[in-house]
Structures are given as C-alpha cells and as structure tokens.
Amino acid sequence: MFAVVRTGGKQYRVAEKDVISVGKLNGEVGAKIALAEVLMLGGDKPKSGAPVVSGASVEAEIVEQGRGPKVIAFKKKRRKNTHRKRGSRAHFTKLKITGISAGKD
C-alpha cells in the first residue's frame, strides 16, 4: 500500500518503511508525527480524495533535523561592474514512514 501526502506545499509518494526528506517540521529526533493531508491511497483498493481522503493518515518518525547544501544565487550584469552573490541553506526534516491508515471504509 502507498499514499500520496502533502506537506510544506509539496506532494510525496510514500510507502511503509520509506525514508523521505521534507521541508522543516517542528519536533525532536525520535518523535512520532501524523501527516493528515493524504491526497490518495493506492494498493488493492485505491482511493482518491477531493482534495483529501477523509479519516486517512500517515504515521512517521523523525529521523533527522538538518540543513541542506548551500545554494548560491549569483547575478551579474556584464560590462557594468555589477554583481550580487547570495547563498542560503534550506532546513529539512528526514522522516521514516511507520504506518499508513486508511481510516473508515
């Protein structure tokens, strides 16, 4: 069984025991969280929501909180002696999917 969940404005296809990296979520390492925005459930009896499947949820455990690689935005205007360099590192949360519940049938 798999599910499509939405978190942080992005959608992820997950199955049990998957490890995914999502945008920063609040919580300590080892804490259990539930992702309630399940857009679709797949498997033997697929279900799609409008927009979410009612009663369905995905349980996950926080494996790691961290920061991604540095992304550099460099802008330059030729022959104008003008340039701008900016960098950022996005925060992320690594989740291990522990269970998918379909809710009521």
Protein backbone atom coordinates (compact mmCIF):
# COMPACT_ATOMS: atom_id res chain seq x y z
CA MET A 1 0.00 0.00 0.00
CA PHE A 2 1.19 3.51 -0.76
CA ALA A 3 -0.09 7.01 -0.14
CA VAL A 4 0.38 10.47 -1.60
CA VAL A 5 0.74 13.07 1.15
CA ARG A 6 1.09 16.85 1.07
CA THR A 7 3.38 18.70 3.44
CA GLY A 8 5.13 22.02 3.03
CA GLY A 9 3.34 22.72 -0.24
CA LYS A 10 4.81 19.64 -1.93
CA GLN A 11 3.48 16.15 -2.57
CA TYR A 12 5.29 12.91 -1.78
CA ARG A 13 4.52 9.30 -2.70
CA VAL A 14 5.30 7.18 0.35
CA ALA A 15 5.10 3.54 1.38
CA GLU A 16 5.77 1.90 4.71
CA LYS A 17 9.46 1.91 5.78
CA ASP A 18 10.32 4.69 3.27
CA VAL A 19 12.67 7.48 4.39
CA ILE A 20 11.87 10.87 2.85
CA SER A 21 13.27 14.35 3.25
CA VAL A 22 10.68 17.13 3.57
CA GLY A 23 10.70 20.81 4.49
CA LYS A 24 11.26 21.65 8.16
CA LEU A 25 8.68 20.25 10.59
CA ASN A 26 8.62 21.00 14.30
CA GLY A 27 9.66 18.15 16.58
CA GLU A 28 12.66 16.43 18.12
CA VAL A 29 14.53 13.46 16.69
CA GLY A 30 12.67 10.28 17.61
CA ALA A 31 9.28 11.99 17.93
CA LYS A 32 6.29 10.50 16.15
CA ILE A 33 4.09 12.69 13.95
CA ALA A 34 0.99 12.14 11.84
CA LEU A 35 0.56 13.54 8.34
CA ALA A 36 -3.17 14.13 7.93
CA GLU A 37 -3.24 15.57 4.41
CA VAL A 38 -3.48 12.30 2.46
CA LEU A 39 -4.43 13.04 -1.15
CA MET A 40 -4.55 9.44 -2.39
CA LEU A 41 -4.28 5.88 -1.17
CA GLY A 42 -3.06 3.18 -3.54
CA GLY A 43 -2.90 -0.58 -3.44
CA ASP A 44 -5.64 -3.21 -3.87
CA LYS A 45 -8.45 -0.68 -3.34
CA PRO A 46 -7.23 2.74 -4.46
CA LYS A 47 -8.93 5.84 -3.05
CA SER A 48 -8.54 9.42 -4.15
CA GLY A 49 -9.70 12.39 -2.13
CA ALA A 50 -11.41 15.60 -3.05
CA PRO A 51 -8.99 17.12 -2.04
CA VAL A 52 -8.06 14.80 0.89
CA VAL A 53 -9.13 11.28 1.84
CA SER A 54 -11.29 11.61 4.96
CA GLY A 55 -10.00 9.77 8.00
CA ALA A 56 -6.75 8.66 6.39
CA SER A 57 -3.38 9.47 7.93
CA VAL A 58 0.27 8.52 7.63
CA GLU A 59 2.36 7.96 10.75
CA ALA A 60 6.05 8.86 10.64
CA GLU A 61 9.04 9.14 12.94
CA ILE A 62 11.55 11.99 12.78
CA VAL A 63 14.97 10.56 11.96
CA GLU A 64 16.98 13.75 11.48
CA GLN A 65 16.71 17.54 11.53
CA GLY A 66 19.29 19.28 9.39
CA ARG A 67 20.26 21.78 6.75
CA GLY A 68 20.74 21.04 3.08
CA PRO A 69 23.63 22.04 0.84
CA LYS A 70 24.35 25.70 0.17
CA VAL A 71 22.60 27.09 -2.89
CA ILE A 72 24.30 30.15 -4.39
CA ALA A 73 22.44 32.75 -6.44
CA PHE A 74 24.94 34.82 -8.40
CA LYS A 75 23.71 37.64 -10.61
CA LYS A 76 25.99 39.65 -12.87
CA LYS A 77 25.48 42.43 -15.38
CA ARG A 78 28.24 42.39 -17.93
CA ARG A 79 30.31 45.49 -18.54
CA LYS A 80 28.55 47.31 -15.68
CA ASN A 81 30.85 46.24 -12.82
CA THR A 82 27.75 44.98 -11.00
CA HIS A 83 27.27 41.61 -9.36
CA ARG A 84 25.41 40.15 -6.40
CA LYS A 85 26.13 36.89 -4.61
CA ARG A 86 23.69 35.41 -2.12
CA GLY A 87 23.60 31.97 -0.56
CA SER A 88 21.18 30.00 1.56
CA ARG A 89 20.83 26.59 3.15
CA ALA A 90 17.32 25.18 3.44
CA HIS A 91 16.28 23.38 6.63
CA PHE A 92 14.88 19.86 6.24
CA THR A 93 13.37 17.05 8.26
CA LYS A 94 14.05 13.42 7.43
CA LEU A 95 11.05 11.14 8.12
CA LYS A 96 10.72 7.36 8.31
CA ILE A 97 7.19 6.20 7.44
CA THR A 98 5.97 3.76 10.09
CA GLY A 99 2.37 3.19 9.03
CA ILE A 100 -0.46 4.12 6.70
CA SER A 101 -4.04 4.04 7.97
CA ALA A 102 -6.93 4.21 5.53
CA GLY A 103 -9.45 5.38 8.10
CA LYS A 104 -13.06 4.35 7.61
CA ASP A 105 -14.04 2.34 4.52
